[in-house]
């Protein structure tokens, strides 16, 4: 339910408030509907917190540790993809794994998944 009250000034608002609260029994000015008042739209149910958290997680790139990246690249080498791993590191401008900065681990993992 929505109640819209239009008042001329602050004194009129105080008089109405006092009447509503029982402070004075003076008659309040007549309230007429304002045809320009836009009706309130029905409230839509709020999105569950879990859904919001999941969407935020999906937007944030996963961070990897050096150990995680080393393991994945080591497993690829053991699987016979030594040359591909070397090419991946070279494509980033690095010859040794230890030279790759941590901020590129996500990119390394993405490219490793493609191998």
PDB file of N, CA and C in Angstrom:
ATOM      1  N   UNK A   1       0.842  -1.167   0.000  1.00  0.00           N
ATOM      2  CA  UNK A   1       0.000   0.000   0.000  1.00  0.00           C
ATOM      3  C   UNK A   1       0.892   1.237   0.000  1.00  0.00           C
ATOM      4  N   UNK A   2       0.443   2.245  -0.685  1.00  0.00           N
ATOM      5  CA  UNK A   2       1.187   3.496  -0.749  1.00  0.00           C
ATOM      6  C   UNK A   2       0.225   4.636  -0.446  1.00  0.00           C
ATOM      7  N   UNK A   3       0.668   5.525   0.440  1.00  0.00           N
ATOM      8  CA  UNK A   3      -0.110   6.714   0.764  1.00  0.00           C
ATOM      9  C   UNK A   3       0.737   7.918   0.383  1.00  0.00           C
ATOM     10  N   UNK A   4       0.197   8.790  -0.426  1.00  0.00           N
ATOM     11  CA  UNK A   4       0.901   9.988  -0.847  1.00  0.00           C
ATOM     12  C   UNK A   4       0.166  11.188  -0.273  1.00  0.00           C
ATOM     13  N   UNK A   5       0.888  12.009   0.464  1.00  0.00           N
ATOM     14  CA  UNK A   5       0.307  13.215   1.051  1.00  0.00           C
ATOM     15  C   UNK A   5       1.061  14.404   0.477  1.00  0.00           C
ATOM     16  N   UNK A   6       0.321  15.336  -0.092  1.00  0.00           N
ATOM     17  CA  UNK A   6       0.923  16.560  -0.620  1.00  0.00           C
ATOM     18  C   UNK A   6       0.567  17.692   0.324  1.00  0.00           C
ATOM     19  N   UNK A   7       1.599  18.389   0.800  1.00  0.00           N
ATOM     20  CA  UNK A   7       1.372  19.494   1.727  1.00  0.00           C
ATOM     21  C   UNK A   7       1.950  20.766   1.133  1.00  0.00           C
ATOM     22  N   UNK A   8       1.395  21.886   1.586  1.00  0.00           N
ATOM     23  CA  UNK A   8       1.829  23.182   1.065  1.00  0.00           C
ATOM     24  C   UNK A   8       3.149  23.621   1.688  1.00  0.00           C
ATOM     25  N   UNK A   9       3.319  23.311   2.983  1.00  0.00           N
ATOM     26  CA  UNK A   9       4.544  23.739   3.657  1.00  0.00           C
ATOM     27  C   UNK A   9       4.812  22.846   4.861  1.00  0.00           C
ATOM     28  N   UNK A  10       5.881  23.158   5.573  1.00  0.00           N
ATOM     29  CA  UNK A  10       6.304  22.341   6.698  1.00  0.00           C
ATOM     30  C   UNK A  10       5.304  22.404   7.853  1.00  0.00           C
ATOM     31  N   UNK A  11       4.720  23.556   8.079  1.00  0.00           N
ATOM     32  CA  UNK A  11       3.742  23.699   9.171  1.00  0.00           C
ATOM     33  C   UNK A  11       2.540  22.786   8.940  1.00  0.00           C
ATOM     34  N   UNK A  12       2.095  22.702   7.711  1.00  0.00           N
ATOM     35  CA  UNK A  12       0.979  21.828   7.393  1.00  0.00           C
ATOM     36  C   UNK A  12       1.360  20.365   7.624  1.00  0.00           C
ATOM     37  N   UNK A  13       2.586  20.014   7.281  1.00  0.00           N
ATOM     38  CA  UNK A  13       3.075  18.657   7.506  1.00  0.00           C
ATOM     39  C   UNK A  13       3.104  18.337   9.001  1.00  0.00           C
ATOM     40  N   UNK A  14       3.580  19.302   9.818  1.00  0.00           N
ATOM     41  CA  UNK A  14       3.611  19.092  11.267  1.00  0.00           C
ATOM     42  C   UNK A  14       2.203  18.891  11.818  1.00  0.00           C
ATOM     43  N   UNK A  15       1.242  19.658  11.320  1.00  0.00           N
ATOM     44  CA  UNK A  15      -0.145  19.534  11.793  1.00  0.00           C
ATOM     45  C   UNK A  15      -0.697  18.153  11.474  1.00  0.00           C
ATOM     46  N   UNK A  16      -0.409  17.667  10.303  1.00  0.00           N
ATOM     47  CA  UNK A  16      -0.875  16.332   9.915  1.00  0.00           C
ATOM     48  C   UNK A  16      -0.202  15.272  10.775  1.00  0.00           C
ATOM     49  N   UNK A  17       1.089  15.427  11.002  1.00  0.00           N
ATOM     50  CA  UNK A  17       1.821  14.462  11.814  1.00  0.00           C
ATOM     51  C   UNK A  17       1.275  14.426  13.237  1.00  0.00           C
ATOM     52  N   UNK A  18       1.002  15.596  13.817  1.00  0.00           N
ATOM     53  CA  UNK A  18       0.451  15.639  15.170  1.00  0.00           C
ATOM     54  C   UNK A  18      -0.904  14.954  15.228  1.00  0.00           C
ATOM     55  N   UNK A  19      -1.725  15.162  14.210  1.00  0.00           N
ATOM     56  CA  UNK A  19      -3.037  14.529  14.187  1.00  0.00           C
ATOM     57  C   UNK A  19      -2.897  13.016  14.090  1.00  0.00           C
ATOM     58  N   UNK A  20      -1.989  12.554  13.267  1.00  0.00           N
ATOM     59  CA  UNK A  20      -1.788  11.111  13.109  1.00  0.00           C
ATOM     60  C   UNK A  20      -1.292  10.507  14.413  1.00  0.00           C
ATOM     61  N   UNK A  21      -0.403  11.208  15.096  1.00  0.00           N
ATOM     62  CA  UNK A  21       0.167  10.708  16.341  1.00  0.00           C
ATOM     63  C   UNK A  21      -0.739  10.951  17.541  1.00  0.00           C
ATOM     64  N   UNK A  22      -1.840  11.669  17.347  1.00  0.00           N
ATOM     65  CA  UNK A  22      -2.792  11.887  18.418  1.00  0.00           C
ATOM     66  C   UNK A  22      -2.498  13.100  19.269  1.00  0.00           C
ATOM     67  N   UNK A  23      -1.624  13.979  18.825  1.00  0.00           N
ATOM     68  CA  UNK A  23      -1.259  15.149  19.611  1.00  0.00           C
ATOM     69  C   UNK A  23      -2.321  16.222  19.586  1.00  0.00           C
ATOM     70  N   UNK A  24      -2.933  16.458  18.465  1.00  0.00           N
ATOM     71  CA  UNK A  24      -3.968  17.483  18.345  1.00  0.00           C
ATOM     72  C   UNK A  24      -5.144  16.885  17.608  1.00  0.00           C
ATOM     73  N   UNK A  25      -6.298  17.405  17.885  1.00  0.00           N
ATOM     74  CA  UNK A  25      -7.496  16.915  17.207  1.00  0.00           C
ATOM     75  C   UNK A  25      -7.974  17.869  16.132  1.00  0.00           C
ATOM     76  N   UNK A  26      -7.140  18.825  15.792  1.00  0.00           N
ATOM     77  CA  UNK A  26      -7.517  19.772  14.752  1.00  0.00           C
ATOM     78  C   UNK A  26      -7.680  19.028  13.436  1.00  0.00           C
ATOM     79  N   UNK A  27      -8.554  19.512  12.636  1.00  0.00           N
ATOM     80  CA  UNK A  27      -8.787  18.852  11.358  1.00  0.00           C
ATOM     81  C   UNK A  27      -7.642  19.168  10.408  1.00  0.00           C
ATOM     82  N   UNK A  28      -7.225  18.157   9.771  1.00  0.00           N
ATOM     83  CA  UNK A  28      -6.149  18.314   8.796  1.00  0.00           C
ATOM     84  C   UNK A  28      -6.760  18.755   7.489  1.00  0.00           C
ATOM     85  N   UNK A  29      -5.979  19.398   6.669  1.00  0.00           N
ATOM     86  CA  UNK A  29      -6.494  19.792   5.364  1.00  0.00           C
ATOM     87  C   UNK A  29      -6.906  18.559   4.553  1.00  0.00           C
ATOM     88  N   UNK A  30      -7.873  18.736   3.714  1.00  0.00           N
ATOM     89  CA  UNK A  30      -8.344  17.619   2.893  1.00  0.00           C
ATOM     90  C   UNK A  30      -7.219  17.150   1.973  1.00  0.00           C
ATOM     91  N   UNK A  31      -7.095  15.850   1.872  1.00  0.00           N
ATOM     92  CA  UNK A  31      -6.070  15.269   1.012  1.00  0.00           C
ATOM     93  C   UNK A  31      -6.743  14.793  -0.252  1.00  0.00           C
ATOM     94  N   UNK A  32      -6.273  15.305  -1.363  1.00  0.00           N
ATOM     95  CA  UNK A  32      -6.831  14.884  -2.651  1.00  0.00           C
ATOM     96  C   UNK A  32      -5.754  14.159  -3.434  1.00  0.00           C
ATOM     97  N   UNK A  33      -6.144  13.157  -4.164  1.00  0.00           N
ATOM     98  CA  UNK A  33      -5.150  12.421  -4.945  1.00  0.00           C
ATOM     99  C   UNK A  33      -4.504  13.325  -5.997  1.00  0.00           C
ATOM    100  N   UNK A  34      -3.232  13.167  -6.153  1.00  0.00           N
ATOM    101  CA  UNK A  34      -2.478  13.940  -7.146  1.00  0.00           C
ATOM    102  C   UNK A  34      -2.381  13.094  -8.414  1.00  0.00           C
ATOM    103  N   UNK A  35      -2.976  13.546  -9.496  1.00  0.00           N
ATOM    104  CA  UNK A  35      -2.963  12.730 -10.717  1.00  0.00           C
ATOM    105  C   UNK A  35      -1.566  12.591 -11.331  1.00  0.00           C
ATOM    106  N   UNK A  36      -0.622  13.407 -10.907  1.00  0.00           N
ATOM    107  CA  UNK A  36       0.713  13.306 -11.484  1.00  0.00           C
ATOM    108  C   UNK A  36       1.618  12.360 -10.716  1.00  0.00           C
ATOM    109  N   UNK A  37       1.110  11.775  -9.638  1.00  0.00           N
ATOM    110  CA  UNK A  37       1.933  10.848  -8.866  1.00  0.00           C
ATOM    111  C   UNK A  37       2.023   9.535  -9.636  1.00  0.00           C
ATOM    112  N   UNK A  38       3.217   9.099  -9.826  1.00  0.00           N
ATOM    113  CA  UNK A  38       3.436   7.850 -10.561  1.00  0.00           C
ATOM    114  C   UNK A  38       3.281   6.690  -9.598  1.00  0.00           C
ATOM    115  N   UNK A  39       2.456   5.710  -9.933  1.00  0.00           N
ATOM    116  CA  UNK A  39       2.268   4.583  -9.020  1.00  0.00           C
ATOM    117  C   UNK A  39       3.568   3.794  -8.848  1.00  0.00           C
ATOM    118  N   UNK A  40       3.713   3.224  -7.680  1.00  0.00           N
ATOM    119  CA  UNK A  40       4.898   2.431  -7.379  1.00  0.00           C
ATOM    120  C   UNK A  40       4.796   1.108  -8.113  1.00  0.00           C
ATOM    121  N   UNK A  41       5.881   0.730  -8.752  1.00  0.00           N
ATOM    122  CA  UNK A  41       5.902  -0.553  -9.449  1.00  0.00           C
ATOM    123  C   UNK A  41       5.982  -1.683  -8.444  1.00  0.00           C
ATOM    124  N   UNK A  42       5.455  -2.805  -8.823  1.00  0.00           N
ATOM    125  CA  UNK A  42       5.547  -3.981  -7.964  1.00  0.00           C
ATOM    126  C   UNK A  42       7.011  -4.306  -7.717  1.00  0.00           C
ATOM    127  N   UNK A  43       7.316  -4.673  -6.502  1.00  0.00           N
ATOM    128  CA  UNK A  43       8.698  -5.029  -6.182  1.00  0.00           C
ATOM    129  C   UNK A  43       9.027  -6.378  -6.784  1.00  0.00           C
ATOM    130  N   UNK A  44      10.191  -6.447  -7.377  1.00  0.00           N
ATOM    131  CA  UNK A  44      10.646  -7.728  -7.897  1.00  0.00           C
ATOM    132  C   UNK A  44      11.432  -8.423  -6.805  1.00  0.00           C
ATOM    133  N   UNK A  45      11.337  -9.729  -6.732  1.00  0.00           N
ATOM    134  CA  UNK A  45      12.075 -10.424  -5.687  1.00  0.00           C
ATOM    135  C   UNK A  45      13.570 -10.177  -5.834  1.00  0.00           C
ATOM    136  N   UNK A  46      14.212 -10.006  -4.727  1.00  0.00           N
ATOM    137  CA  UNK A  46      15.657  -9.769  -4.739  1.00  0.00           C
ATOM    138  C   UNK A  46      16.378 -11.025  -5.221  1.00  0.00           C
ATOM    139  N   UNK A  47      17.467 -10.796  -5.927  1.00  0.00           N
ATOM    140  CA  UNK A  47      18.271 -11.910  -6.412  1.00  0.00           C
ATOM    141  C   UNK A  47      18.939 -12.572  -5.207  1.00  0.00           C
ATOM    142  N   UNK A  48      18.897 -13.891  -5.139  1.00  0.00           N
ATOM    143  CA  UNK A  48      19.511 -14.563  -3.990  1.00  0.00           C
ATOM    144  C   UNK A  48      20.983 -14.189  -3.855  1.00  0.00           C
ATOM    145  N   UNK A  49      21.440 -14.092  -2.623  1.00  0.00           N
ATOM    146  CA  UNK A  49      22.817 -13.708  -2.344  1.00  0.00           C
ATOM    147  C   UNK A  49      23.790 -14.671  -3.010  1.00  0.00           C
ATOM    148  N   UNK A  50      23.445 -15.952  -3.007  1.00  0.00           N
ATOM    149  CA  UNK A  50      24.341 -16.940  -3.618  1.00  0.00           C
ATOM    150  C   UNK A  50      24.559 -16.653  -5.095  1.00  0.00           C
ATOM    151  N   UNK A  51      23.498 -16.257  -5.795  1.00  0.00           N
ATOM    152  CA  UNK A  51      23.625 -15.974  -7.222  1.00  0.00           C
ATOM    153  C   UNK A  51      24.524 -14.767  -7.455  1.00  0.00           C
ATOM    154  N   UNK A  52      24.405 -13.764  -6.611  1.00  0.00           N
ATOM    155  CA  UNK A  52      25.252 -12.577  -6.741  1.00  0.00           C
ATOM    156  C   UNK A  52      26.697 -12.949  -6.473  1.00  0.00           C
ATOM    157  N   UNK A  53      26.929 -13.731  -5.419  1.00  0.00           N
ATOM    158  CA  UNK A  53      28.295 -14.139  -5.091  1.00  0.00           C
ATOM    159  C   UNK A  53      28.899 -14.957  -6.228  1.00  0.00           C
ATOM    160  N   UNK A  54      28.106 -15.843  -6.828  1.00  0.00           N
ATOM    161  CA  UNK A  54      28.613 -16.660  -7.927  1.00  0.00           C
ATOM    162  C   UNK A  54      28.975 -15.805  -9.127  1.00  0.00           C
ATOM    163  N   UNK A  55      28.148 -14.782  -9.421  1.00  0.00           N
ATOM    164  CA  UNK A  55      28.454 -13.923 -10.566  1.00  0.00           C
ATOM    165  C   UNK A  55      29.713 -13.119 -10.311  1.00  0.00           C
ATOM    166  N   UNK A  56      29.935 -12.714  -9.067  1.00  0.00           N
ATOM    167  CA  UNK A  56      31.153 -11.981  -8.734  1.00  0.00           C
ATOM    168  C   UNK A  56      32.359 -12.903  -8.862  1.00  0.00           C
ATOM    169  N   UNK A  57      32.209 -14.134  -8.381  1.00  0.00           N
ATOM    170  CA  UNK A  57      33.307 -15.092  -8.485  1.00  0.00           C
ATOM    171  C   UNK A  57      33.639 -15.374  -9.941  1.00  0.00           C
ATOM    172  N   UNK A  58      32.604 -15.440 -10.784  1.00  0.00           N
ATOM    173  CA  UNK A  58      32.842 -15.730 -12.193  1.00  0.00           C
ATOM    174  C   UNK A  58      33.622 -14.607 -12.866  1.00  0.00           C
ATOM    175  N   UNK A  59      33.441 -13.373 -12.402  1.00  0.00           N
ATOM    176  CA  UNK A  59      34.125 -12.237 -13.002  1.00  0.00           C
ATOM    177  C   UNK A  59      35.574 -12.116 -12.541  1.00  0.00           C
ATOM    178  N   UNK A  60      35.856 -12.579 -11.322  1.00  0.00           N
ATOM    179  CA  UNK A  60      37.203 -12.470 -10.786  1.00  0.00           C
ATOM    180  C   UNK A  60      38.065 -13.598 -11.332  1.00  0.00           C
ATOM    181  N   UNK A  61      39.206 -13.277 -11.907  1.00  0.00           N
ATOM    182  CA  UNK A  61      40.073 -14.342 -12.404  1.00  0.00           C
ATOM    183  C   UNK A  61      40.671 -15.115 -11.236  1.00  0.00           C
ATOM    184  N   UNK A  62      40.801 -16.428 -11.416  1.00  0.00           N
ATOM    185  CA  UNK A  62      41.389 -17.265 -10.374  1.00  0.00           C
ATOM    186  C   UNK A  62      42.870 -16.956 -10.288  1.00  0.00           C
ATOM    187  N   UNK A  63      43.353 -16.917  -9.079  1.00  0.00           N
ATOM    188  CA  UNK A  63      44.782 -16.709  -8.886  1.00  0.00           C
ATOM    189  C   UNK A  63      45.419 -18.060  -8.601  1.00  0.00           C
ATOM    190  N   UNK A  64      46.583 -18.267  -9.142  1.00  0.00           N
ATOM    191  CA  UNK A  64      47.292 -19.529  -9.003  1.00  0.00           C
ATOM    192  C   UNK A  64      48.599 -19.308  -8.253  1.00  0.00           C
ATOM    193  N   UNK A  65      49.012 -20.338  -7.555  1.00  0.00           N
ATOM    194  CA  UNK A  65      50.295 -20.277  -6.875  1.00  0.00           C
ATOM    195  C   UNK A  65      51.364 -20.831  -7.815  1.00  0.00           C
ATOM    196  N   UNK A  66      52.594 -20.541  -7.474  1.00  0.00           N
ATOM    197  CA  UNK A  66      53.698 -21.046  -8.279  1.00  0.00           C
ATOM    198  C   UNK A  66      53.686 -22.571  -8.284  1.00  0.00           C
ATOM    199  N   UNK A  67      53.371 -23.179  -7.156  1.00  0.00           N
ATOM    200  CA  UNK A  67      53.339 -24.639  -7.056  1.00  0.00           C
ATOM    201  C   UNK A  67      52.270 -25.236  -7.979  1.00  0.00           C
ATOM    202  N   UNK A  68      51.093 -24.596  -8.048  1.00  0.00           N
ATOM    203  CA  UNK A  68      50.020 -25.105  -8.914  1.00  0.00           C
ATOM    204  C   UNK A  68      50.440 -25.062 -10.382  1.00  0.00           C
ATOM    205  N   UNK A  69      51.013 -23.939 -10.797  1.00  0.00           N
ATOM    206  CA  UNK A  69      51.422 -23.791 -12.198  1.00  0.00           C
ATOM    207  C   UNK A  69      52.563 -24.747 -12.509  1.00  0.00           C
ATOM    208  N   UNK A  70      53.513 -24.857 -11.595  1.00  0.00           N
ATOM    209  CA  UNK A  70      54.647 -25.773 -11.796  1.00  0.00           C
ATOM    210  C   UNK A  70      54.155 -27.213 -11.968  1.00  0.00           C
ATOM    211  N   UNK A  71      53.173 -27.616 -11.158  1.00  0.00           N
ATOM    212  CA  UNK A  71      52.643 -28.980 -11.241  1.00  0.00           C
ATOM    213  C   UNK A  71      51.980 -29.231 -12.588  1.00  0.00           C
ATOM    214  N   UNK A  72      51.156 -28.286 -13.028  1.00  0.00           N
ATOM    215  CA  UNK A  72      50.455 -28.456 -14.310  1.00  0.00           C
ATOM    216  C   UNK A  72      51.462 -28.547 -15.458  1.00  0.00           C
ATOM    217  N   UNK A  73      52.417 -27.641 -15.472  1.00  0.00           N
ATOM    218  CA  UNK A  73      53.418 -27.664 -16.548  1.00  0.00           C
ATOM    219  C   UNK A  73      54.273 -28.929 -16.457  1.00  0.00           C
ATOM    220  N   UNK A  74      54.605 -29.351 -15.236  1.00  0.00           N
ATOM    221  CA  UNK A  74      55.368 -30.594 -15.062  1.00  0.00           C
ATOM    222  C   UNK A  74      54.598 -31.806 -15.553  1.00  0.00           C
ATOM    223  N   UNK A  75      53.298 -31.846 -15.257  1.00  0.00           N
ATOM    224  CA  UNK A  75      52.458 -32.955 -15.729  1.00  0.00           C
ATOM    225  C   UNK A  75      52.377 -32.974 -17.254  1.00  0.00           C
ATOM    226  N   UNK A  76      52.312 -31.794 -17.863  1.00  0.00           N
ATOM    227  CA  UNK A  76      52.278 -31.722 -19.326  1.00  0.00           C
ATOM    228  C   UNK A  76      53.593 -32.229 -19.922  1.00  0.00           C
ATOM    229  N   UNK A  77      54.691 -31.845 -19.294  1.00  0.00           N
ATOM    230  CA  UNK A  77      56.002 -32.324 -19.779  1.00  0.00           C
ATOM    231  C   UNK A  77      56.079 -33.846 -19.689  1.00  0.00           C
ATOM    232  N   UNK A  78      55.621 -34.387 -18.563  1.00  0.00           N
ATOM    233  CA  UNK A  78      55.645 -35.844 -18.362  1.00  0.00           C
ATOM    234  C   UNK A  78      54.735 -36.546 -19.358  1.00  0.00           C
ATOM    235  N   UNK A  79      53.697 -35.852 -19.807  1.00  0.00           N
ATOM    236  CA  UNK A  79      52.748 -36.434 -20.765  1.00  0.00           C
ATOM    237  C   UNK A  79      53.264 -36.334 -22.197  1.00  0.00           C
ATOM    238  N   UNK A  80      54.511 -35.883 -22.359  1.00  0.00           N
ATOM    239  CA  UNK A  80      55.100 -35.822 -23.692  1.00  0.00           C
ATOM    240  C   UNK A  80      54.923 -34.489 -24.397  1.00  0.00           C
ATOM    241  N   UNK A  81      54.573 -33.471 -23.671  1.00  0.00           N
ATOM    242  CA  UNK A  81      54.351 -32.161 -24.294  1.00  0.00           C
ATOM    243  C   UNK A  81      55.428 -31.167 -23.867  1.00  0.00           C
ATOM    244  N   UNK A  82      56.643 -31.664 -23.740  1.00  0.00           N
ATOM    245  CA  UNK A  82      57.750 -30.819 -23.306  1.00  0.00           C
ATOM    246  C   UNK A  82      57.958 -29.647 -24.269  1.00  0.00           C
ATOM    247  N   UNK A  83      57.930 -29.956 -25.554  1.00  0.00           N
ATOM    248  CA  UNK A  83      58.153 -28.913 -26.562  1.00  0.00           C
ATOM    249  C   UNK A  83      57.051 -27.851 -26.517  1.00  0.00           C
ATOM    250  N   UNK A  84      55.802 -28.293 -26.334  1.00  0.00           N
ATOM    251  CA  UNK A  84      54.681 -27.354 -26.275  1.00  0.00           C
ATOM    252  C   UNK A  84      54.785 -26.440 -25.051  1.00  0.00           C
ATOM    253  N   UNK A  85      55.226 -27.005 -23.911  1.00  0.00           N
ATOM    254  CA  UNK A  85      55.391 -26.210 -22.698  1.00  0.00           C
ATOM    255  C   UNK A  85      56.490 -25.168 -22.911  1.00  0.00           C
ATOM    256  N   UNK A  86      57.573 -25.576 -23.548  1.00  0.00           N
ATOM    257  CA  UNK A  86      58.670 -24.651 -23.831  1.00  0.00           C
ATOM    258  C   UNK A  86      58.184 -23.532 -24.749  1.00  0.00           C
ATOM    259  N   UNK A  87      57.402 -23.882 -25.761  1.00  0.00           N
ATOM    260  CA  UNK A  87      56.869 -22.875 -26.685  1.00  0.00           C
ATOM    261  C   UNK A  87      55.909 -21.924 -25.966  1.00  0.00           C
ATOM    262  N   UNK A  88      55.130 -22.459 -25.029  1.00  0.00           N
ATOM    263  CA  UNK A  88      54.203 -21.635 -24.259  1.00  0.00           C
ATOM    264  C   UNK A  88      54.978 -20.582 -23.472  1.00  0.00           C
ATOM    265  N   UNK A  89      56.025 -21.009 -22.769  1.00  0.00           N
ATOM    266  CA  UNK A  89      56.824 -20.064 -21.983  1.00  0.00           C
ATOM    267  C   UNK A  89      57.530 -19.059 -22.894  1.00  0.00           C
ATOM    268  N   UNK A  90      58.034 -19.525 -24.024  1.00  0.00           N
ATOM    269  CA  UNK A  90      58.702 -18.626 -24.968  1.00  0.00           C
ATOM    270  C   UNK A  90      57.721 -17.601 -25.546  1.00  0.00           C
ATOM    271  N   UNK A  91      56.471 -18.011 -25.758  1.00  0.00           N
ATOM    272  CA  UNK A  91      55.473 -17.088 -26.303  1.00  0.00           C
ATOM    273  C   UNK A  91      55.211 -15.931 -25.337  1.00  0.00           C
ATOM    274  N   UNK A  92      55.461 -16.159 -24.059  1.00  0.00           N
ATOM    275  CA  UNK A  92      55.309 -15.106 -23.051  1.00  0.00           C
ATOM    276  C   UNK A  92      56.604 -14.319 -22.858  1.00  0.00           C
ATOM    277  N   UNK A  93      57.671 -14.777 -23.511  1.00  0.00           N
ATOM    278  CA  UNK A  93      58.946 -14.074 -23.419  1.00  0.00           C
ATOM    279  C   UNK A  93      59.862 -14.586 -22.318  1.00  0.00           C
ATOM    280  N   UNK A  94      59.662 -15.821 -21.860  1.00  0.00           N
ATOM    281  CA  UNK A  94      60.466 -16.372 -20.777  1.00  0.00           C
ATOM    282  C   UNK A  94      61.039 -17.727 -21.184  1.00  0.00           C
ATOM    283  N   UNK A  95      62.276 -17.976 -20.727  1.00  0.00           N
ATOM    284  CA  UNK A  95      62.911 -19.260 -21.012  1.00  0.00           C
ATOM    285  C   UNK A  95      62.755 -20.230 -19.851  1.00  0.00           C
ATOM    286  N   UNK A  96      62.742 -19.701 -18.628  1.00  0.00           N
ATOM    287  CA  UNK A  96      62.620 -20.551 -17.442  1.00  0.00           C
ATOM    288  C   UNK A  96      61.304 -20.238 -16.732  1.00  0.00           C
ATOM    289  N   UNK A  97      60.740 -21.277 -16.157  1.00  0.00           N
ATOM    290  CA  UNK A  97      59.482 -21.111 -15.431  1.00  0.00           C
ATOM    291  C   UNK A  97      59.640 -20.116 -14.282  1.00  0.00           C
ATOM    292  N   UNK A  98      60.751 -20.166 -13.590  1.00  0.00           N
ATOM    293  CA  UNK A  98      60.955 -19.297 -12.426  1.00  0.00           C
ATOM    294  C   UNK A  98      61.029 -17.813 -12.798  1.00  0.00           C
ATOM    295  N   UNK A  99      61.227 -17.502 -14.076  1.00  0.00           N
ATOM    296  CA  UNK A  99      61.269 -16.106 -14.519  1.00  0.00           C
ATOM    297  C   UNK A  99      59.875 -15.521 -14.744  1.00  0.00           C
ATOM    298  N   UNK A 100      58.859 -16.372 -14.837  1.00  0.00           N
ATOM    299  CA  UNK A 100      57.493 -15.900 -15.119  1.00  0.00           C
ATOM    300  C   UNK A 100      56.936 -15.225 -13.871  1.00  0.00           C
ATOM    301  N   UNK A 101      56.478 -13.972 -13.984  1.00  0.00           N
ATOM    302  CA  UNK A 101      55.921 -13.283 -12.812  1.00  0.00           C
ATOM    303  C   UNK A 101      54.559 -13.867 -12.421  1.00  0.00           C
ATOM    304  N   UNK A 102      54.245 -13.780 -11.147  1.00  0.00           N
ATOM    305  CA  UNK A 102      53.008 -14.364 -10.614  1.00  0.00           C
ATOM    306  C   UNK A 102      51.755 -13.808 -11.297  1.00  0.00           C
ATOM    307  N   UNK A 103      51.791 -12.559 -11.745  1.00  0.00           N
ATOM    308  CA  UNK A 103      50.594 -11.994 -12.376  1.00  0.00           C
ATOM    309  C   UNK A 103      50.275 -12.638 -13.728  1.00  0.00           C
ATOM    310  N   UNK A 104      51.206 -13.408 -14.277  1.00  0.00           N
ATOM    311  CA  UNK A 104      50.953 -14.102 -15.549  1.00  0.00           C
ATOM    312  C   UNK A 104      50.549 -15.566 -15.354  1.00  0.00           C
ATOM    313  N   UNK A 105      50.483 -16.034 -14.114  1.00  0.00           N
ATOM    314  CA  UNK A 105      50.139 -17.439 -13.875  1.00  0.00           C
ATOM    315  C   UNK A 105      48.766 -17.794 -14.445  1.00  0.00           C
ATOM    316  N   UNK A 106      47.805 -16.902 -14.356  1.00  0.00           N
ATOM    317  CA  UNK A 106      46.474 -17.168 -14.908  1.00  0.00           C
ATOM    318  C   UNK A 106      46.539 -17.390 -16.413  1.00  0.00           C
ATOM    319  N   UNK A 107      47.292 -16.549 -17.091  1.00  0.00           N
ATOM    320  CA  UNK A 107      47.445 -16.678 -18.540  1.00  0.00           C
ATOM    321  C   UNK A 107      48.167 -17.975 -18.901  1.00  0.00           C
ATOM    322  N   UNK A 108      49.192 -18.323 -18.108  1.00  0.00           N
ATOM    323  CA  UNK A 108      49.925 -19.574 -18.342  1.00  0.00           C
ATOM    324  C   UNK A 108      48.970 -20.759 -18.198  1.00  0.00           C
ATOM    325  N   UNK A 109      48.129 -20.721 -17.165  1.00  0.00           N
ATOM    326  CA  UNK A 109      47.189 -21.830 -16.946  1.00  0.00           C
ATOM    327  C   UNK A 109      46.160 -21.919 -18.071  1.00  0.00           C
ATOM    328  N   UNK A 110      45.696 -20.782 -18.577  1.00  0.00           N
ATOM    329  CA  UNK A 110      44.757 -20.810 -19.694  1.00  0.00           C
ATOM    330  C   UNK A 110      45.382 -21.466 -20.915  1.00  0.00           C
ATOM    331  N   UNK A 111      46.615 -21.052 -21.228  1.00  0.00           N
ATOM    332  CA  UNK A 111      47.294 -21.618 -22.388  1.00  0.00           C
ATOM    333  C   UNK A 111      47.634 -23.081 -22.166  1.00  0.00           C
ATOM    334  N   UNK A 112      47.942 -23.455 -20.932  1.00  0.00           N
ATOM    335  CA  UNK A 112      48.258 -24.856 -20.633  1.00  0.00           C
ATOM    336  C   UNK A 112      47.031 -25.734 -20.847  1.00  0.00           C
ATOM    337  N   UNK A 113      45.827 -25.223 -20.545  1.00  0.00           N
ATOM    338  CA  UNK A 113      44.605 -26.002 -20.763  1.00  0.00           C
ATOM    339  C   UNK A 113      44.385 -26.279 -22.245  1.00  0.00           C
ATOM    340  N   UNK A 114      44.881 -25.389 -23.102  1.00  0.00           N
ATOM    341  CA  UNK A 114      44.710 -25.563 -24.538  1.00  0.00           C
ATOM    342  C   UNK A 114      45.634 -26.632 -25.106  1.00  0.00           C
ATOM    343  N   UNK A 115      46.679 -26.998 -24.366  1.00  0.00           N
ATOM    344  CA  UNK A 115      47.651 -27.985 -24.868  1.00  0.00           C
ATOM    345  C   UNK A 115      47.111 -29.383 -24.823  1.00  0.00           C
TER     346      UNK A 115
END
